Amino acid sequence: MTTQSIIPKLVQRALKLAGKNNFAQSCTYEVGKFLQISSGLKRKARIAEIGMGYGVGSAWILSGMSPDSNLITIDHKQEQIEQVRKIFINHKIEILQGGWKSILTYGPFDFVFIDIKEAKFNEADLVIDAVNLDGIIILDDFTPMEHWPDAWEGKPDLVREKWLNDARLLCMEVRTSERSSILFARKVKLNP
């Protein structure tokens, strides 16, 4: 069995759109499978994706979430959004255009996938505040420490420190390939 044969059709359509637009920042197969599995852990879930790109992560989430859940995603590029909307016709997704913080008013959420830098660090507390107790948060695009470039050696990783040490979360780094990992968190305490 090839990897291609186990990629859902909707994900294949999103990957094709991303390729057509020379967009190389889509989530990897391994991260996608993690999103697919995790998005279906809770029924009637309110799911948010911060940073849609060309919809690859959205497609993985849609392929795994329960039918009574809903997905809201956001990006700021109108032309890109219009292209993505075409592949998601007849799917349970709301696509917003604007700055990422505007999605927070649609919360609280049961599951959040963060794929933009600002929401991962500078304003991480805003995201955590918008997640229900026992809600799941996934952040991708991490490099395991043993593969850091020389320029990063000896420097603190403030994003990892924030998420791994936040008292409201149980969080761990999960290796998705030799050179990449995600942070997987569950909110276990209410906001102070």
N, C-alpha and C. Protein backbone atom coordinates (compact mmCIF):
# COMPACT_ATOMS: atom_id res chain seq x y z
N MET A 1 0.85 -1.17 0.00
CA MET A 1 0.00 0.00 0.00
C MET A 1 0.90 1.24 0.00
N THR A 2 0.61 2.17 -0.88
CA THR A 2 1.40 3.40 -0.95
C THR A 2 0.78 4.47 -0.06
N THR A 3 1.60 5.44 0.31
CA THR A 3 1.10 6.57 1.10
C THR A 3 -0.02 7.28 0.35
N GLN A 4 0.13 7.43 -0.96
CA GLN A 4 -0.88 8.11 -1.78
C GLN A 4 -2.25 7.45 -1.63
N SER A 5 -2.28 6.12 -1.52
CA SER A 5 -3.57 5.42 -1.44
C SER A 5 -4.28 5.64 -0.11
N ILE A 6 -3.57 6.10 0.93
CA ILE A 6 -4.23 6.32 2.21
C ILE A 6 -4.43 7.81 2.51
N ILE A 7 -4.10 8.66 1.55
CA ILE A 7 -4.38 10.09 1.70
C ILE A 7 -5.81 10.33 1.22
N PRO A 8 -6.66 10.89 2.08
CA PRO A 8 -8.04 11.15 1.66
C PRO A 8 -8.11 12.01 0.40
N LYS A 9 -9.14 11.79 -0.39
CA LYS A 9 -9.31 12.52 -1.66
C LYS A 9 -9.31 14.03 -1.44
N LEU A 10 -9.98 14.49 -0.38
CA LEU A 10 -10.03 15.92 -0.11
C LEU A 10 -8.63 16.49 0.15
N VAL A 11 -7.81 15.73 0.86
CA VAL A 11 -6.43 16.15 1.11
C VAL A 11 -5.65 16.17 -0.20
N GLN A 12 -5.86 15.18 -1.05
CA GLN A 12 -5.18 15.15 -2.34
C GLN A 12 -5.54 16.39 -3.17
N ARG A 13 -6.80 16.80 -3.11
CA ARG A 13 -7.22 18.01 -3.85
C ARG A 13 -6.52 19.25 -3.29
N ALA A 14 -6.42 19.35 -1.98
CA ALA A 14 -5.74 20.50 -1.37
C ALA A 14 -4.25 20.48 -1.70
N LEU A 15 -3.63 19.32 -1.66
CA LEU A 15 -2.21 19.22 -2.02
C LEU A 15 -1.97 19.64 -3.47
N LYS A 16 -2.88 19.24 -4.33
CA LYS A 16 -2.77 19.62 -5.75
C LYS A 16 -2.87 21.15 -5.90
N LEU A 17 -3.80 21.77 -5.19
CA LEU A 17 -3.95 23.22 -5.23
C LEU A 17 -2.70 23.91 -4.70
N ALA A 18 -2.16 23.42 -3.59
CA ALA A 18 -0.93 24.00 -3.02
C ALA A 18 0.23 23.87 -4.02
N GLY A 19 0.35 22.72 -4.66
CA GLY A 19 1.41 22.50 -5.66
C GLY A 19 1.27 23.43 -6.84
N LYS A 20 0.04 23.59 -7.30
CA LYS A 20 -0.24 24.48 -8.43
C LYS A 20 0.18 25.92 -8.11
N ASN A 21 0.11 26.28 -6.86
CA ASN A 21 0.46 27.64 -6.42
C ASN A 21 1.87 27.74 -5.84
N ASN A 22 2.67 26.68 -6.03
CA ASN A 22 4.05 26.65 -5.53
C ASN A 22 4.14 26.96 -4.05
N PHE A 23 3.19 26.44 -3.29
CA PHE A 23 3.14 26.66 -1.84
C PHE A 23 3.75 25.46 -1.16
N ALA A 24 4.91 25.64 -0.54
CA ALA A 24 5.65 24.52 0.05
C ALA A 24 5.49 24.43 1.56
N GLN A 25 4.66 25.27 2.17
CA GLN A 25 4.54 25.28 3.63
C GLN A 25 3.37 24.46 4.16
N SER A 26 2.74 23.65 3.34
CA SER A 26 1.62 22.83 3.82
C SER A 26 2.12 21.81 4.83
N CYS A 27 1.21 21.38 5.69
CA CYS A 27 1.62 20.39 6.69
C CYS A 27 2.01 19.07 6.01
N THR A 28 2.90 18.37 6.65
CA THR A 28 3.39 17.11 6.11
C THR A 28 2.35 16.01 6.30
N TYR A 29 2.60 14.89 5.64
CA TYR A 29 1.72 13.73 5.78
C TYR A 29 1.59 13.33 7.25
N GLU A 30 2.71 13.28 7.96
CA GLU A 30 2.70 12.83 9.36
C GLU A 30 1.90 13.78 10.25
N VAL A 31 2.08 15.08 10.05
CA VAL A 31 1.29 16.05 10.82
C VAL A 31 -0.18 15.94 10.43
N GLY A 32 -0.44 15.77 9.14
CA GLY A 32 -1.81 15.60 8.67
C GLY A 32 -2.51 14.42 9.32
N LYS A 33 -1.83 13.29 9.38
CA LYS A 33 -2.44 12.11 10.03
C LYS A 33 -2.71 12.40 11.51
N PHE A 34 -1.81 13.11 12.14
CA PHE A 34 -2.01 13.48 13.55
C PHE A 34 -3.26 14.35 13.68
N LEU A 35 -3.43 15.32 12.76
CA LEU A 35 -4.62 16.17 12.77
C LEU A 35 -5.88 15.36 12.52
N GLN A 36 -5.80 14.44 11.58
CA GLN A 36 -6.96 13.61 11.24
C GLN A 36 -7.41 12.80 12.44
N ILE A 37 -6.49 12.17 13.12
CA ILE A 37 -6.82 11.35 14.28
C ILE A 37 -7.31 12.21 15.44
N SER A 38 -6.60 13.29 15.73
CA SER A 38 -6.91 14.12 16.89
C SER A 38 -8.21 14.90 16.74
N SER A 39 -8.54 15.30 15.54
CA SER A 39 -9.74 16.12 15.34
C SER A 39 -11.02 15.34 15.59
N GLY A 40 -10.94 14.02 15.59
CA GLY A 40 -12.13 13.21 15.83
C GLY A 40 -12.26 12.69 17.25
N LEU A 41 -11.41 13.15 18.16
CA LEU A 41 -11.43 12.65 19.53
C LEU A 41 -12.67 13.07 20.31
N LYS A 42 -13.27 14.17 19.89
CA LYS A 42 -14.43 14.69 20.63
C LYS A 42 -15.58 14.93 19.66
N ARG A 43 -16.77 14.52 20.06
CA ARG A 43 -17.97 14.77 19.25
C ARG A 43 -18.46 16.18 19.53
N LYS A 44 -19.17 16.73 18.57
CA LYS A 44 -19.71 18.09 18.67
C LYS A 44 -18.63 19.11 19.01
N ALA A 45 -17.47 18.91 18.44
CA ALA A 45 -16.33 19.78 18.73
C ALA A 45 -16.39 21.05 17.88
N ARG A 46 -15.96 22.11 18.48
CA ARG A 46 -15.76 23.38 17.78
C ARG A 46 -14.25 23.45 17.53
N ILE A 47 -13.88 23.41 16.24
CA ILE A 47 -12.48 23.29 15.85
C ILE A 47 -12.03 24.56 15.12
N ALA A 48 -10.84 25.04 15.46
CA ALA A 48 -10.27 26.22 14.80
C ALA A 48 -8.91 25.87 14.21
N GLU A 49 -8.67 26.41 13.04
CA GLU A 49 -7.35 26.32 12.41
C GLU A 49 -6.88 27.75 12.19
N ILE A 50 -5.74 28.08 12.74
CA ILE A 50 -5.19 29.43 12.61
C ILE A 50 -4.05 29.37 11.60
N GLY A 51 -4.34 29.84 10.38
CA GLY A 51 -3.38 29.79 9.29
C GLY A 51 -3.75 28.67 8.32
N MET A 52 -4.56 28.97 7.32
CA MET A 52 -5.12 27.95 6.44
C MET A 52 -4.21 27.56 5.28
N GLY A 53 -3.39 28.49 4.80
CA GLY A 53 -2.59 28.19 3.61
C GLY A 53 -3.49 27.83 2.45
N TYR A 54 -3.23 26.70 1.81
CA TYR A 54 -4.08 26.23 0.71
C TYR A 54 -4.98 25.07 1.14
N GLY A 55 -5.23 24.96 2.43
CA GLY A 55 -6.26 24.05 2.92
C GLY A 55 -5.84 22.62 3.18
N VAL A 56 -4.55 22.32 3.17
CA VAL A 56 -4.11 20.95 3.39
C VAL A 56 -4.42 20.51 4.83
N GLY A 57 -4.06 21.32 5.81
CA GLY A 57 -4.38 21.00 7.20
C GLY A 57 -5.89 20.93 7.41
N SER A 58 -6.62 21.85 6.80
CA SER A 58 -8.08 21.86 6.90
C SER A 58 -8.66 20.54 6.37
N ALA A 59 -8.14 20.10 5.25
CA ALA A 59 -8.63 18.85 4.64
C ALA A 59 -8.37 17.65 5.54
N TRP A 60 -7.19 17.61 6.17
CA TRP A 60 -6.90 16.52 7.11
C TRP A 60 -7.87 16.56 8.28
N ILE A 61 -8.11 17.75 8.82
CA ILE A 61 -9.04 17.89 9.95
C ILE A 61 -10.44 17.45 9.54
N LEU A 62 -10.92 17.92 8.40
CA LEU A 62 -12.26 17.56 7.92
C LEU A 62 -12.39 16.05 7.72
N SER A 63 -11.31 15.40 7.30
CA SER A 63 -11.36 13.96 7.03
C SER A 63 -11.41 13.13 8.31
N GLY A 64 -11.15 13.75 9.45
CA GLY A 64 -11.16 13.00 10.70
C GLY A 64 -12.20 13.42 11.72
N MET A 65 -12.71 14.64 11.62
CA MET A 65 -13.63 15.13 12.65
C MET A 65 -14.99 14.44 12.54
N SER A 66 -15.68 14.39 13.67
CA SER A 66 -17.00 13.75 13.68
C SER A 66 -17.99 14.62 12.90
N PRO A 67 -19.02 14.00 12.32
CA PRO A 67 -19.97 14.74 11.48
C PRO A 67 -20.71 15.86 12.22
N ASP A 68 -20.79 15.78 13.54
CA ASP A 68 -21.49 16.82 14.30
C ASP A 68 -20.55 17.92 14.80
N SER A 69 -19.30 17.90 14.36
CA SER A 69 -18.33 18.95 14.71
C SER A 69 -18.31 19.99 13.60
N ASN A 70 -17.69 21.14 13.89
CA ASN A 70 -17.52 22.13 12.82
C ASN A 70 -16.13 22.73 12.88
N LEU A 71 -15.66 23.17 11.71
CA LEU A 71 -14.32 23.71 11.55
C LEU A 71 -14.42 25.15 11.08
N ILE A 72 -13.67 26.02 11.74
CA ILE A 72 -13.52 27.40 11.33
C ILE A 72 -12.04 27.62 11.09
N THR A 73 -11.70 28.21 9.95
CA THR A 73 -10.30 28.47 9.63
C THR A 73 -10.16 29.90 9.16
N ILE A 74 -8.95 30.41 9.22
CA ILE A 74 -8.72 31.80 8.85
C ILE A 74 -7.40 31.97 8.13
N ASP A 75 -7.40 32.90 7.18
CA ASP A 75 -6.18 33.34 6.53
C ASP A 75 -6.43 34.77 6.06
N HIS A 76 -5.40 35.44 5.62
CA HIS A 76 -5.56 36.84 5.27
C HIS A 76 -5.54 37.12 3.77
N LYS A 77 -5.22 36.15 2.94
CA LYS A 77 -5.10 36.38 1.50
C LYS A 77 -6.39 36.01 0.77
N GLN A 78 -7.11 37.02 0.27
CA GLN A 78 -8.41 36.81 -0.35
C GLN A 78 -8.36 35.88 -1.56
N GLU A 79 -7.41 36.08 -2.46
CA GLU A 79 -7.33 35.24 -3.66
C GLU A 79 -7.11 33.77 -3.28
N GLN A 80 -6.25 33.55 -2.33
CA GLN A 80 -5.97 32.20 -1.84
C GLN A 80 -7.23 31.59 -1.24
N ILE A 81 -7.94 32.35 -0.44
CA ILE A 81 -9.16 31.88 0.20
C ILE A 81 -10.19 31.47 -0.84
N GLU A 82 -10.35 32.27 -1.88
CA GLU A 82 -11.33 31.95 -2.93
C GLU A 82 -10.99 30.63 -3.61
N GLN A 83 -9.71 30.37 -3.83
CA GLN A 83 -9.32 29.09 -4.44
C GLN A 83 -9.63 27.92 -3.51
N VAL A 84 -9.35 28.10 -2.24
CA VAL A 84 -9.58 27.03 -1.27
C VAL A 84 -11.07 26.76 -1.11
N ARG A 85 -11.87 27.79 -1.10
CA ARG A 85 -13.33 27.61 -0.96
C ARG A 85 -13.88 26.65 -2.01
N LYS A 86 -13.33 26.70 -3.21
CA LYS A 86 -13.81 25.85 -4.30
C LYS A 86 -13.61 24.36 -4.00
N ILE A 87 -12.53 24.01 -3.32
CA ILE A 87 -12.33 22.58 -3.05
C ILE A 87 -13.13 22.10 -1.84
N PHE A 88 -13.64 23.05 -1.04
CA PHE A 88 -14.40 22.67 0.15
C PHE A 88 -15.90 22.86 0.01
N ILE A 89 -16.38 23.03 -1.21
CA ILE A 89 -17.82 23.12 -1.42
C ILE A 89 -18.46 21.85 -0.88
N ASN A 90 -19.55 22.01 -0.16
CA ASN A 90 -20.29 20.90 0.46
C ASN A 90 -19.56 20.26 1.63
N HIS A 91 -18.63 20.96 2.22
CA HIS A 91 -17.96 20.46 3.42
C HIS A 91 -18.24 21.40 4.58
N LYS A 92 -18.19 20.87 5.78
CA LYS A 92 -18.55 21.61 6.99
C LYS A 92 -17.38 22.46 7.47
N ILE A 93 -17.18 23.58 6.78
CA ILE A 93 -16.07 24.47 7.09
C ILE A 93 -16.51 25.91 6.86
N GLU A 94 -16.08 26.78 7.75
CA GLU A 94 -16.29 28.21 7.57
C GLU A 94 -14.91 28.83 7.42
N ILE A 95 -14.71 29.54 6.30
CA ILE A 95 -13.42 30.15 6.01
C ILE A 95 -13.53 31.65 6.19
N LEU A 96 -12.72 32.18 7.09
CA LEU A 96 -12.71 33.61 7.38
C LEU A 96 -11.50 34.26 6.75
N GLN A 97 -11.66 35.53 6.38
CA GLN A 97 -10.52 36.30 5.91
C GLN A 97 -10.24 37.40 6.93
N GLY A 98 -8.96 37.56 7.28
CA GLY A 98 -8.59 38.62 8.19
C GLY A 98 -7.40 38.25 9.04
N GLY A 99 -7.13 39.11 10.01
CA GLY A 99 -6.06 38.83 10.95
C GLY A 99 -6.44 37.66 11.84
N TRP A 100 -5.46 36.88 12.24
CA TRP A 100 -5.74 35.61 12.94
C TRP A 100 -6.53 35.79 14.23
N LYS A 101 -6.37 36.91 14.92
CA LYS A 101 -7.05 37.09 16.21
C LYS A 101 -8.56 37.15 16.07
N SER A 102 -9.05 37.52 14.88
CA SER A 102 -10.50 37.63 14.71
C SER A 102 -11.21 36.28 14.82
N ILE A 103 -10.50 35.17 14.67
CA ILE A 103 -11.12 33.85 14.82
C ILE A 103 -11.46 33.57 16.29
N LEU A 104 -10.77 34.22 17.20
CA LEU A 104 -10.95 33.93 18.63
C LEU A 104 -12.36 34.26 19.12
N THR A 105 -13.02 35.19 18.47
CA THR A 105 -14.39 35.55 18.88
C THR A 105 -15.39 34.43 18.58
N TYR A 106 -14.98 33.43 17.80
CA TYR A 106 -15.84 32.29 17.48
C TYR A 106 -15.71 31.17 18.50
N GLY A 107 -14.82 31.34 19.47
CA GLY A 107 -14.60 30.32 20.49
C GLY A 107 -15.66 30.38 21.56
N PRO A 108 -15.49 29.60 22.61
CA PRO A 108 -14.31 28.78 22.90
C PRO A 108 -14.27 27.52 22.03
N PHE A 109 -13.06 26.99 21.88
CA PHE A 109 -12.83 25.85 21.00
C PHE A 109 -12.46 24.60 21.79
N ASP A 110 -12.72 23.47 21.14
CA ASP A 110 -12.36 22.17 21.71
C ASP A 110 -11.06 21.63 21.11
N PHE A 111 -10.68 22.19 19.99
CA PHE A 111 -9.50 21.74 19.26
C PHE A 111 -8.98 22.92 18.45
N VAL A 112 -7.69 23.20 18.54
CA VAL A 112 -7.09 24.29 17.77
C VAL A 112 -5.79 23.79 17.14
N PHE A 113 -5.65 24.04 15.85
CA PHE A 113 -4.39 23.79 15.15
C PHE A 113 -3.80 25.15 14.81
N ILE A 114 -2.59 25.42 15.32
CA ILE A 114 -1.93 26.71 15.11
C ILE A 114 -0.81 26.53 14.10
N ASP A 115 -0.91 27.28 13.00
CA ASP A 115 0.10 27.17 11.96
C ASP A 115 0.64 28.54 11.55
N ILE A 116 0.60 29.51 12.48
CA ILE A 116 1.26 30.78 12.21
C ILE A 116 2.06 31.20 13.44
N LYS A 117 3.17 31.82 13.18
CA LYS A 117 4.16 32.15 14.21
C LYS A 117 3.60 33.01 15.35
N GLU A 118 2.87 34.07 15.02
CA GLU A 118 2.41 35.01 16.04
C GLU A 118 1.54 34.33 17.09
N ALA A 119 0.68 33.43 16.67
CA ALA A 119 -0.22 32.74 17.61
C ALA A 119 0.52 31.71 18.44
N LYS A 120 1.67 31.25 17.97
CA LYS A 120 2.44 30.26 18.71
C LYS A 120 3.23 30.88 19.86
N PHE A 121 3.61 32.14 19.71
CA PHE A 121 4.48 32.71 20.74
C PHE A 121 3.97 34.04 21.29
N ASN A 122 4.07 35.08 20.52
CA ASN A 122 3.78 36.41 21.03
C ASN A 122 2.43 36.52 21.71
N GLU A 123 1.45 35.84 21.18
CA GLU A 123 0.10 35.97 21.72
C GLU A 123 -0.50 34.60 22.05
N ALA A 124 0.35 33.70 22.49
CA ALA A 124 -0.10 32.34 22.82
C ALA A 124 -1.19 32.33 23.88
N ASP A 125 -1.12 33.23 24.84
CA ASP A 125 -2.13 33.26 25.90
C ASP A 125 -3.53 33.52 25.36
N LEU A 126 -3.63 34.31 24.29
CA LEU A 126 -4.94 34.55 23.68
C LEU A 126 -5.55 33.25 23.16
N VAL A 127 -4.72 32.41 22.58
CA VAL A 127 -5.20 31.12 22.07
C VAL A 127 -5.59 30.21 23.23
N ILE A 128 -4.73 30.10 24.22
CA ILE A 128 -5.03 29.23 25.37
C ILE A 128 -6.32 29.67 26.06
N ASP A 129 -6.51 30.97 26.20
CA ASP A 129 -7.75 31.49 26.80
C ASP A 129 -8.99 31.11 26.01
N ALA A 130 -8.84 30.92 24.69
CA ALA A 130 -9.98 30.62 23.82
C ALA A 130 -10.27 29.12 23.70
N VAL A 131 -9.60 28.30 24.51
CA VAL A 131 -9.78 26.84 24.46
C VAL A 131 -10.52 26.37 25.71
N ASN A 132 -11.49 25.50 25.50
CA ASN A 132 -12.24 24.89 26.60
C ASN A 132 -11.34 23.99 27.44
N LEU A 133 -11.75 23.75 28.67
CA LEU A 133 -11.09 22.77 29.51
C LEU A 133 -11.13 21.42 28.80
N ASP A 134 -10.02 20.71 28.80
CA ASP A 134 -9.82 19.45 28.09
C ASP A 134 -9.71 19.61 26.58
N GLY A 135 -9.63 20.86 26.11
CA GLY A 135 -9.42 21.11 24.69
C GLY A 135 -8.00 20.77 24.28
N ILE A 136 -7.84 20.46 23.01
CA ILE A 136 -6.56 20.06 22.43
C ILE A 136 -6.00 21.21 21.59
N ILE A 137 -4.68 21.41 21.67
CA ILE A 137 -3.99 22.40 20.86
C ILE A 137 -2.79 21.72 20.22
N ILE A 138 -2.64 21.90 18.91
CA ILE A 138 -1.51 21.33 18.18
C ILE A 138 -0.78 22.47 17.46
N LEU A 139 0.53 22.50 17.62
CA LEU A 139 1.40 23.46 16.94
C LEU A 139 2.41 22.66 16.13
N ASP A 140 2.60 23.02 14.86
CA ASP A 140 3.58 22.27 14.06
C ASP A 140 4.79 23.13 13.71
N ASP A 141 5.65 22.57 12.88
CA ASP A 141 6.85 23.25 12.37
C ASP A 141 7.96 23.42 13.40
N PHE A 142 8.18 22.42 14.22
CA PHE A 142 9.29 22.44 15.16
C PHE A 142 10.42 21.55 14.65
N THR A 143 11.64 21.93 14.98
CA THR A 143 12.82 21.14 14.64
C THR A 143 13.37 20.54 15.91
N PRO A 144 13.50 19.21 15.98
CA PRO A 144 14.10 18.60 17.17
C PRO A 144 15.48 19.21 17.45
N MET A 145 15.79 19.38 18.72
CA MET A 145 16.98 20.11 19.13
C MET A 145 18.28 19.57 18.52
N GLU A 146 18.39 18.25 18.35
CA GLU A 146 19.63 17.71 17.80
C GLU A 146 19.83 18.07 16.33
N HIS A 147 18.81 18.64 15.70
CA HIS A 147 18.93 19.05 14.29
C HIS A 147 18.92 20.57 14.14
N TRP A 148 19.10 21.29 15.24
CA TRP A 148 19.15 22.74 15.16
C TRP A 148 20.37 23.17 14.37
N PRO A 149 20.23 24.25 13.61
CA PRO A 149 21.42 24.80 12.95
C PRO A 149 22.38 25.41 13.98
N ASP A 150 23.62 25.55 13.61
CA ASP A 150 24.63 26.09 14.53
C ASP A 150 24.23 27.43 15.12
N ALA A 151 23.55 28.26 14.35
CA ALA A 151 23.15 29.59 14.82
C ALA A 151 22.19 29.52 16.01
N TRP A 152 21.48 28.41 16.18
CA TRP A 152 20.52 28.28 17.28
C TRP A 152 21.15 27.69 18.54
N GLU A 153 22.34 27.08 18.42
CA GLU A 153 22.97 26.39 19.54
C GLU A 153 23.11 27.30 20.75
N GLY A 154 22.73 26.78 21.91
CA GLY A 154 22.88 27.50 23.17
C GLY A 154 21.86 28.58 23.42
N LYS A 155 20.95 28.78 22.48
CA LYS A 155 19.92 29.81 22.64
C LYS A 155 18.65 29.16 23.16
N PRO A 156 17.89 29.89 23.98
CA PRO A 156 16.63 29.32 24.48
C PRO A 156 15.59 29.25 23.37
N ASP A 157 14.75 28.27 23.43
CA ASP A 157 13.61 28.17 22.51
C ASP A 157 12.39 28.66 23.28
N LEU A 158 12.09 29.92 23.15
CA LEU A 158 11.04 30.54 23.95
C LEU A 158 9.65 30.00 23.65
N VAL A 159 9.42 29.59 22.42
CA VAL A 159 8.11 29.02 22.07
C VAL A 159 7.91 27.69 22.80
N ARG A 160 8.89 26.80 22.69
CA ARG A 160 8.79 25.52 23.40
C ARG A 160 8.63 25.74 24.91
N GLU A 161 9.46 26.62 25.45
CA GLU A 161 9.40 26.88 26.89
C GLU A 161 8.01 27.36 27.31
N LYS A 162 7.42 28.24 26.52
CA LYS A 162 6.09 28.78 26.84
C LYS A 162 5.08 27.64 26.92
N TRP A 163 4.99 26.85 25.87
CA TRP A 163 3.96 25.82 25.79
C TRP A 163 4.22 24.63 26.73
N LEU A 164 5.46 24.21 26.82
CA LEU A 164 5.77 23.04 27.65
C LEU A 164 5.68 23.34 29.15
N ASN A 165 5.77 24.61 29.53
CA ASN A 165 5.78 24.97 30.94
C ASN A 165 4.55 25.74 31.41
N ASP A 166 3.58 25.94 30.54
CA ASP A 166 2.38 26.67 30.95
C ASP A 166 1.59 25.80 31.93
N ALA A 167 1.28 26.34 33.10
CA ALA A 167 0.62 25.58 34.17
C ALA A 167 -0.80 25.13 33.80
N ARG A 168 -1.39 25.74 32.78
CA ARG A 168 -2.75 25.36 32.37
C ARG A 168 -2.78 24.16 31.44
N LEU A 169 -1.61 23.74 30.99
CA LEU A 169 -1.54 22.71 29.94
C LEU A 169 -0.75 21.48 30.36
N LEU A 170 -1.14 20.36 29.81
CA LEU A 170 -0.27 19.19 29.71
C LEU A 170 0.23 19.23 28.28
N CYS A 171 1.53 19.29 28.09
CA CYS A 171 2.05 19.48 26.74
C CYS A 171 3.31 18.65 26.57
N MET A 172 3.45 18.10 25.37
CA MET A 172 4.67 17.36 25.06
C MET A 172 5.02 17.55 23.60
N GLU A 173 6.30 17.36 23.32
CA GLU A 173 6.76 17.40 21.94
C GLU A 173 6.65 15.99 21.37
N VAL A 174 6.11 15.89 20.17
CA VAL A 174 5.93 14.61 19.50
C VAL A 174 6.69 14.65 18.18
N ARG A 175 7.61 13.72 18.01
CA ARG A 175 8.40 13.64 16.78
C ARG A 175 7.49 13.12 15.67
N THR A 176 7.44 13.86 14.55
CA THR A 176 6.64 13.41 13.41
C THR A 176 7.51 12.86 12.28
N SER A 177 8.78 13.18 12.32
CA SER A 177 9.76 12.61 11.39
C SER A 177 11.14 12.83 12.02
N GLU A 178 12.19 12.42 11.35
CA GLU A 178 13.52 12.59 11.92
C GLU A 178 13.84 14.05 12.21
N ARG A 179 13.37 14.94 11.35
CA ARG A 179 13.75 16.34 11.46
C ARG A 179 12.60 17.29 11.78
N SER A 180 11.47 16.76 12.17
CA SER A 180 10.36 17.66 12.53
C SER A 180 9.54 17.08 13.68
N SER A 181 8.88 18.01 14.37
CA SER A 181 8.05 17.61 15.50
C SER A 181 6.91 18.61 15.67
N ILE A 182 5.96 18.23 16.50
CA ILE A 182 4.84 19.11 16.85
C ILE A 182 4.79 19.22 18.37
N LEU A 183 4.07 20.21 18.85
CA LEU A 183 3.71 20.27 20.26
C LEU A 183 2.24 19.89 20.35
N PHE A 184 1.94 19.00 21.27
CA PHE A 184 0.58 18.50 21.48
C PHE A 184 0.20 18.84 22.92
N ALA A 185 -0.86 19.61 23.09
CA ALA A 185 -1.24 20.07 24.43
C ALA A 185 -2.71 19.81 24.70
N ARG A 186 -3.02 19.61 25.98
CA ARG A 186 -4.41 19.53 26.45
C ARG A 186 -4.55 20.52 27.59
N LYS A 187 -5.60 21.33 27.54
CA LYS A 187 -5.83 22.31 28.59
C LYS A 187 -6.45 21.62 29.79
N VAL A 188 -5.76 21.66 30.91
CA VAL A 188 -6.21 20.93 32.11
C VAL A 188 -6.60 21.85 33.26
N LYS A 189 -6.32 23.13 33.12
CA LYS A 189 -6.72 24.10 34.15
C LYS A 189 -7.34 25.30 33.48
N LEU A 190 -8.33 25.87 34.16
CA LEU A 190 -8.95 27.08 33.64
C LEU A 190 -7.99 28.23 33.73
N ASN A 191 -8.28 29.26 32.97
CA ASN A 191 -7.45 30.46 32.98
C ASN A 191 -7.50 31.10 34.36
N PRO A 192 -6.38 31.66 34.81
CA PRO A 192 -6.36 32.28 36.15
C PRO A 192 -7.29 33.47 36.25
